[in-house]
Every structure is written in C-alpha cells, then in structure tokens.
Amino acid sequence: MYVAYIPEIVANFMGHPVSPLQPFTAAICAFAWVEYGWHRAHKDWPIIISNIPGVVLGIITVVTVYIH
C-alpha cells in the first residue's frame, strides 16, 4: 500500500510537488500503529513491521515536497 508513495516522491523530484497532507497523515497513523505494537505486553511484530514502511515513505514524501 505504501509503495504508492514512490511515484509521488519521483513527482516531487521532477518539480511537480504533491500535497503533503495525505502522506503526513498516513505517516502519523502508521507511527501510531508502530507505537501500539511496540508497547504491547508481547511485541506485535507483524503490526510493527508492516507499518514501518508507511512511516519512512510518508516522511520522505513530505520532506521531498519542500526539498526538491
């Protein structure tokens, strides 16, 4: 699902910046899921691992909106 941010990152570098609102919101949501999985009594690794790409790619997308 988060692979969809790769074309947005490319568009940002090509001089066609996308809106930062959706990737920023998705990064916050994915970070919340990572925190939830991390702070459970028994770490929920599937939740953590599946949401880390959302945090990373969401932040990269937002940063490349402003730095391109």
PDB file of N, CA and C in Angstrom:
ATOM      1  N   MET A   1       0.821  -1.182   0.000  1.00  0.00           N
ATOM      2  CA  MET A   1       0.000   0.000   0.000  1.00  0.00           C
ATOM      3  C   MET A   1       0.870   1.253   0.000  1.00  0.00           C
ATOM      4  N   TYR A   2       1.927   1.251   0.787  1.00  0.00           N
ATOM      5  CA  TYR A   2       2.765   2.443   0.879  1.00  0.00           C
ATOM      6  C   TYR A   2       3.681   2.607  -0.321  1.00  0.00           C
ATOM      7  N   VAL A   3       3.745   1.610  -1.188  1.00  0.00           N
ATOM      8  CA  VAL A   3       4.547   1.706  -2.404  1.00  0.00           C
ATOM      9  C   VAL A   3       4.003   2.816  -3.302  1.00  0.00           C
ATOM     10  N   ALA A   4       2.756   3.194  -3.122  1.00  0.00           N
ATOM     11  CA  ALA A   4       2.149   4.261  -3.918  1.00  0.00           C
ATOM     12  C   ALA A   4       2.827   5.608  -3.680  1.00  0.00           C
ATOM     13  N   TYR A   5       3.593   5.739  -2.613  1.00  0.00           N
ATOM     14  CA  TYR A   5       4.296   7.000  -2.358  1.00  0.00           C
ATOM     15  C   TYR A   5       5.521   7.165  -3.238  1.00  0.00           C
ATOM     16  N   ILE A   6       6.036   6.081  -3.794  1.00  0.00           N
ATOM     17  CA  ILE A   6       7.236   6.182  -4.628  1.00  0.00           C
ATOM     18  C   ILE A   6       6.993   7.070  -5.851  1.00  0.00           C
ATOM     19  N   PRO A   7       5.882   6.926  -6.600  1.00  0.00           N
ATOM     20  CA  PRO A   7       5.640   7.869  -7.702  1.00  0.00           C
ATOM     21  C   PRO A   7       5.465   9.314  -7.224  1.00  0.00           C
ATOM     22  N   GLU A   8       4.932   9.500  -6.029  1.00  0.00           N
ATOM     23  CA  GLU A   8       4.795  10.857  -5.502  1.00  0.00           C
ATOM     24  C   GLU A   8       6.161  11.448  -5.174  1.00  0.00           C
ATOM     25  N   ILE A   9       7.065  10.633  -4.650  1.00  0.00           N
ATOM     26  CA  ILE A   9       8.424  11.102  -4.374  1.00  0.00           C
ATOM     27  C   ILE A   9       9.115  11.476  -5.684  1.00  0.00           C
ATOM     28  N   VAL A  10       8.941  10.638  -6.706  1.00  0.00           N
ATOM     29  CA  VAL A  10       9.524  10.927  -8.018  1.00  0.00           C
ATOM     30  C   VAL A  10       8.937  12.221  -8.579  1.00  0.00           C
ATOM     31  N   ALA A  11       7.630  12.404  -8.450  1.00  0.00           N
ATOM     32  CA  ALA A  11       6.991  13.640  -8.934  1.00  0.00           C
ATOM     33  C   ALA A  11       7.549  14.856  -8.203  1.00  0.00           C
ATOM     34  N   ASN A  12       7.795  14.714  -6.907  1.00  0.00           N
ATOM     35  CA  ASN A  12       8.378  15.828  -6.156  1.00  0.00           C
ATOM     36  C   ASN A  12       9.750  16.196  -6.704  1.00  0.00           C
ATOM     37  N   PHE A  13      10.567  15.193  -7.005  1.00  0.00           N
ATOM     38  CA  PHE A  13      11.903  15.455  -7.536  1.00  0.00           C
ATOM     39  C   PHE A  13      11.865  15.974  -8.965  1.00  0.00           C
ATOM     40  N   MET A  14      10.795  15.683  -9.690  1.00  0.00           N
ATOM     41  CA  MET A  14      10.671  16.158 -11.068  1.00  0.00           C
ATOM     42  C   MET A  14      10.116  17.579 -11.135  1.00  0.00           C
ATOM     43  N   GLY A  15       9.838  18.182  -9.992  1.00  0.00           N
ATOM     44  CA  GLY A  15       9.353  19.556  -9.973  1.00  0.00           C
ATOM     45  C   GLY A  15       7.850  19.698  -9.932  1.00  0.00           C
ATOM     46  N   HIS A  16       7.140  18.622  -9.676  1.00  0.00           N
ATOM     47  CA  HIS A  16       5.684  18.643  -9.581  1.00  0.00           C
ATOM     48  C   HIS A  16       5.277  18.199  -8.181  1.00  0.00           C
ATOM     49  N   PRO A  17       5.438  19.074  -7.192  1.00  0.00           N
ATOM     50  CA  PRO A  17       5.170  18.649  -5.811  1.00  0.00           C
ATOM     51  C   PRO A  17       3.708  18.273  -5.591  1.00  0.00           C
ATOM     52  N   VAL A  18       3.516  17.247  -4.800  1.00  0.00           N
ATOM     53  CA  VAL A  18       2.181  16.772  -4.446  1.00  0.00           C
ATOM     54  C   VAL A  18       1.774  17.398  -3.119  1.00  0.00           C
ATOM     55  N   SER A  19       0.527  17.223  -2.748  1.00  0.00           N
ATOM     56  CA  SER A  19       0.054  17.733  -1.465  1.00  0.00           C
ATOM     57  C   SER A  19       0.689  16.929  -0.331  1.00  0.00           C
ATOM     58  N   PRO A  20       1.218  17.591   0.700  1.00  0.00           N
ATOM     59  CA  PRO A  20       1.850  16.868   1.801  1.00  0.00           C
ATOM     60  C   PRO A  20       0.858  16.359   2.841  1.00  0.00           C
ATOM     61  N   LEU A  21      -0.397  16.737   2.756  1.00  0.00           N
ATOM     62  CA  LEU A  21      -1.356  16.408   3.809  1.00  0.00           C
ATOM     63  C   LEU A  21      -1.587  14.905   3.950  1.00  0.00           C
ATOM     64  N   GLN A  22      -1.868  14.215   2.864  1.00  0.00           N
ATOM     65  CA  GLN A  22      -2.171  12.786   2.946  1.00  0.00           C
ATOM     66  C   GLN A  22      -0.965  11.958   3.394  1.00  0.00           C
ATOM     67  N   PRO A  23       0.243  12.158   2.823  1.00  0.00           N
ATOM     68  CA  PRO A  23       1.375  11.370   3.305  1.00  0.00           C
ATOM     69  C   PRO A  23       1.733  11.676   4.757  1.00  0.00           C
ATOM     70  N   PHE A  24       1.567  12.921   5.177  1.00  0.00           N
ATOM     71  CA  PHE A  24       1.848  13.285   6.566  1.00  0.00           C
ATOM     72  C   PHE A  24       0.874  12.589   7.508  1.00  0.00           C
ATOM     73  N   THR A  25      -0.396  12.600   7.143  1.00  0.00           N
ATOM     74  CA  THR A  25      -1.413  11.939   7.963  1.00  0.00           C
ATOM     75  C   THR A  25      -1.183  10.429   8.005  1.00  0.00           C
ATOM     76  N   ALA A  26      -0.837   9.843   6.875  1.00  0.00           N
ATOM     77  CA  ALA A  26      -0.567   8.402   6.835  1.00  0.00           C
ATOM     78  C   ALA A  26       0.660   8.047   7.667  1.00  0.00           C
ATOM     79  N   ALA A  27       1.684   8.901   7.651  1.00  0.00           N
ATOM     80  CA  ALA A  27       2.882   8.647   8.455  1.00  0.00           C
ATOM     81  C   ALA A  27       2.555   8.696   9.940  1.00  0.00           C
ATOM     82  N   ILE A  28       1.718   9.641  10.346  1.00  0.00           N
ATOM     83  CA  ILE A  28       1.314   9.727  11.755  1.00  0.00           C
ATOM     84  C   ILE A  28       0.513   8.490  12.149  1.00  0.00           C
ATOM     85  N   CYS A  29      -0.404   8.079  11.301  1.00  0.00           N
ATOM     86  CA  CYS A  29      -1.217   6.893  11.583  1.00  0.00           C
ATOM     87  C   CYS A  29      -0.341   5.643  11.667  1.00  0.00           C
ATOM     88  N   ALA A  30       0.581   5.487  10.727  1.00  0.00           N
ATOM     89  CA  ALA A  30       1.472   4.327  10.748  1.00  0.00           C
ATOM     90  C   ALA A  30       2.362   4.356  11.983  1.00  0.00           C
ATOM     91  N   PHE A  31       2.826   5.544  12.368  1.00  0.00           N
ATOM     92  CA  PHE A  31       3.644   5.664  13.577  1.00  0.00           C
ATOM     93  C   PHE A  31       2.843   5.262  14.811  1.00  0.00           C
ATOM     94  N   ALA A  32       1.574   5.650  14.849  1.00  0.00           N
ATOM     95  CA  ALA A  32       0.723   5.266  15.983  1.00  0.00           C
ATOM     96  C   ALA A  32       0.579   3.745  16.061  1.00  0.00           C
ATOM     97  N   TRP A  33       0.447   3.086  14.914  1.00  0.00           N
ATOM     98  CA  TRP A  33       0.357   1.623  14.909  1.00  0.00           C
ATOM     99  C   TRP A  33       1.668   0.983  15.344  1.00  0.00           C
ATOM    100  N   VAL A  34       2.790   1.561  14.924  1.00  0.00           N
ATOM    101  CA  VAL A  34       4.090   1.038  15.360  1.00  0.00           C
ATOM    102  C   VAL A  34       4.213   1.164  16.873  1.00  0.00           C
ATOM    103  N   GLU A  35       3.837   2.310  17.409  1.00  0.00           N
ATOM    104  CA  GLU A  35       3.879   2.509  18.862  1.00  0.00           C
ATOM    105  C   GLU A  35       2.964   1.524  19.579  1.00  0.00           C
ATOM    106  N   TYR A  36       1.786   1.301  19.040  1.00  0.00           N
ATOM    107  CA  TYR A  36       0.848   0.354  19.636  1.00  0.00           C
ATOM    108  C   TYR A  36       1.457  -1.047  19.675  1.00  0.00           C
ATOM    109  N   GLY A  37       2.010  -1.477  18.553  1.00  0.00           N
ATOM    110  CA  GLY A  37       2.612  -2.804  18.504  1.00  0.00           C
ATOM    111  C   GLY A  37       3.833  -2.933  19.391  1.00  0.00           C
ATOM    112  N   TRP A  38       4.580  -1.846  19.543  1.00  0.00           N
ATOM    113  CA  TRP A  38       5.804  -1.866  20.342  1.00  0.00           C
ATOM    114  C   TRP A  38       5.508  -1.918  21.840  1.00  0.00           C
ATOM    115  N   HIS A  39       4.466  -1.246  22.280  1.00  0.00           N
ATOM    116  CA  HIS A  39       4.191  -1.117  23.712  1.00  0.00           C
ATOM    117  C   HIS A  39       3.227  -2.164  24.258  1.00  0.00           C
ATOM    118  N   ARG A  40       2.859  -3.143  23.470  1.00  0.00           N
ATOM    119  CA  ARG A  40       2.029  -4.236  23.994  1.00  0.00           C
ATOM    120  C   ARG A  40       2.878  -5.119  24.897  1.00  0.00           C
ATOM    121  N   ALA A  41       2.229  -5.908  25.721  1.00  0.00           N
ATOM    122  CA  ALA A  41       2.960  -6.790  26.637  1.00  0.00           C
ATOM    123  C   ALA A  41       3.892  -7.722  25.856  1.00  0.00           C
ATOM    124  N   HIS A  42       3.404  -8.276  24.775  1.00  0.00           N
ATOM    125  CA  HIS A  42       4.229  -9.069  23.865  1.00  0.00           C
ATOM    126  C   HIS A  42       4.253  -8.308  22.546  1.00  0.00           C
ATOM    127  N   LYS A  43       5.410  -7.834  22.144  1.00  0.00           N
ATOM    128  CA  LYS A  43       5.506  -7.000  20.944  1.00  0.00           C
ATOM    129  C   LYS A  43       4.805  -7.673  19.763  1.00  0.00           C
ATOM    130  N   ASP A  44       3.990  -6.910  19.083  1.00  0.00           N
ATOM    131  CA  ASP A  44       3.236  -7.406  17.930  1.00  0.00           C
ATOM    132  C   ASP A  44       4.039  -7.096  16.665  1.00  0.00           C
ATOM    133  N   TRP A  45       4.987  -7.982  16.343  1.00  0.00           N
ATOM    134  CA  TRP A  45       5.913  -7.740  15.242  1.00  0.00           C
ATOM    135  C   TRP A  45       5.238  -7.590  13.885  1.00  0.00           C
ATOM    136  N   PRO A  46       4.194  -8.330  13.551  1.00  0.00           N
ATOM    137  CA  PRO A  46       3.557  -8.096  12.245  1.00  0.00           C
ATOM    138  C   PRO A  46       3.023  -6.665  12.094  1.00  0.00           C
ATOM    139  N   ILE A  47       2.447  -6.113  13.146  1.00  0.00           N
ATOM    140  CA  ILE A  47       1.955  -4.729  13.084  1.00  0.00           C
ATOM    141  C   ILE A  47       3.122  -3.761  12.955  1.00  0.00           C
ATOM    142  N   ILE A  48       4.168  -3.980  13.724  1.00  0.00           N
ATOM    143  CA  ILE A  48       5.331  -3.086  13.689  1.00  0.00           C
ATOM    144  C   ILE A  48       5.974  -3.105  12.305  1.00  0.00           C
ATOM    145  N   ILE A  49       6.279  -4.306  11.817  1.00  0.00           N
ATOM    146  CA  ILE A  49       6.992  -4.437  10.545  1.00  0.00           C
ATOM    147  C   ILE A  49       6.160  -3.933   9.370  1.00  0.00           C
ATOM    148  N   SER A  50       4.870  -4.161   9.395  1.00  0.00           N
ATOM    149  CA  SER A  50       4.044  -3.740   8.259  1.00  0.00           C
ATOM    150  C   SER A  50       3.807  -2.233   8.222  1.00  0.00           C
ATOM    151  N   ASN A  51       4.002  -1.532   9.326  1.00  0.00           N
ATOM    152  CA  ASN A  51       3.759  -0.092   9.336  1.00  0.00           C
ATOM    153  C   ASN A  51       5.019   0.755   9.276  1.00  0.00           C
ATOM    154  N   ILE A  52       6.181   0.173   9.479  1.00  0.00           N
ATOM    155  CA  ILE A  52       7.423   0.945   9.376  1.00  0.00           C
ATOM    156  C   ILE A  52       7.606   1.547   7.980  1.00  0.00           C
ATOM    157  N   PRO A  53       7.319   0.823   6.885  1.00  0.00           N
ATOM    158  CA  PRO A  53       7.433   1.470   5.571  1.00  0.00           C
ATOM    159  C   PRO A  53       6.519   2.689   5.426  1.00  0.00           C
ATOM    160  N   GLY A  54       5.363   2.672   6.050  1.00  0.00           N
ATOM    161  CA  GLY A  54       4.461   3.825   5.995  1.00  0.00           C
ATOM    162  C   GLY A  54       5.051   5.042   6.669  1.00  0.00           C
ATOM    163  N   VAL A  55       5.725   4.827   7.784  1.00  0.00           N
ATOM    164  CA  VAL A  55       6.374   5.935   8.483  1.00  0.00           C
ATOM    165  C   VAL A  55       7.501   6.490   7.619  1.00  0.00           C
ATOM    166  N   VAL A  56       8.364   5.608   7.136  1.00  0.00           N
ATOM    167  CA  VAL A  56       9.538   6.038   6.370  1.00  0.00           C
ATOM    168  C   VAL A  56       9.133   6.706   5.058  1.00  0.00           C
ATOM    169  N   LEU A  57       8.302   6.048   4.266  1.00  0.00           N
ATOM    170  CA  LEU A  57       7.926   6.611   2.968  1.00  0.00           C
ATOM    171  C   LEU A  57       7.048   7.850   3.110  1.00  0.00           C
ATOM    172  N   GLY A  58       6.197   7.890   4.136  1.00  0.00           N
ATOM    173  CA  GLY A  58       5.386   9.084   4.367  1.00  0.00           C
ATOM    174  C   GLY A  58       6.243  10.292   4.700  1.00  0.00           C
ATOM    175  N   ILE A  59       7.237  10.094   5.560  1.00  0.00           N
ATOM    176  CA  ILE A  59       8.128  11.201   5.926  1.00  0.00           C
ATOM    177  C   ILE A  59       8.967  11.631   4.730  1.00  0.00           C
ATOM    178  N   ILE A  60       9.487  10.663   3.977  1.00  0.00           N
ATOM    179  CA  ILE A  60      10.280  11.015   2.793  1.00  0.00           C
ATOM    180  C   ILE A  60       9.434  11.799   1.798  1.00  0.00           C
ATOM    181  N   THR A  61       8.189  11.402   1.604  1.00  0.00           N
ATOM    182  CA  THR A  61       7.310  12.115   0.673  1.00  0.00           C
ATOM    183  C   THR A  61       7.081  13.547   1.130  1.00  0.00           C
ATOM    184  N   VAL A  62       6.812  13.738   2.414  1.00  0.00           N
ATOM    185  CA  VAL A  62       6.575  15.092   2.933  1.00  0.00           C
ATOM    186  C   VAL A  62       7.836  15.940   2.812  1.00  0.00           C
ATOM    187  N   VAL A  63       8.977  15.374   3.140  1.00  0.00           N
ATOM    188  CA  VAL A  63      10.233  16.134   3.065  1.00  0.00           C
ATOM    189  C   VAL A  63      10.535  16.529   1.625  1.00  0.00           C
ATOM    190  N   THR A  64      10.315  15.613   0.678  1.00  0.00           N
ATOM    191  CA  THR A  64      10.627  15.938  -0.716  1.00  0.00           C
ATOM    192  C   THR A  64       9.648  16.932  -1.334  1.00  0.00           C
ATOM    193  N   VAL A  65       8.507  17.151  -0.698  1.00  0.00           N
ATOM    194  CA  VAL A  65       7.608  18.211  -1.183  1.00  0.00           C
ATOM    195  C   VAL A  65       8.297  19.564  -1.036  1.00  0.00           C
ATOM    196  N   TYR A  66       9.018  19.740   0.058  1.00  0.00           N
ATOM    197  CA  TYR A  66       9.637  21.023   0.357  1.00  0.00           C
ATOM    198  C   TYR A  66      11.087  21.115  -0.099  1.00  0.00           C
ATOM    199  N   ILE A  67      11.749  19.980  -0.293  1.00  0.00           N
ATOM    200  CA  ILE A  67      13.142  19.976  -0.739  1.00  0.00           C
ATOM    201  C   ILE A  67      13.200  19.223  -2.059  1.00  0.00           C
ATOM    202  N   HIS A  68      13.181  19.944  -3.141  1.00  0.00           N
ATOM    203  CA  HIS A  68      13.269  19.298  -4.455  1.00  0.00           C
ATOM    204  C   HIS A  68      14.024  20.163  -5.428  1.00  0.00           C
TER     205      HIS A  68
END
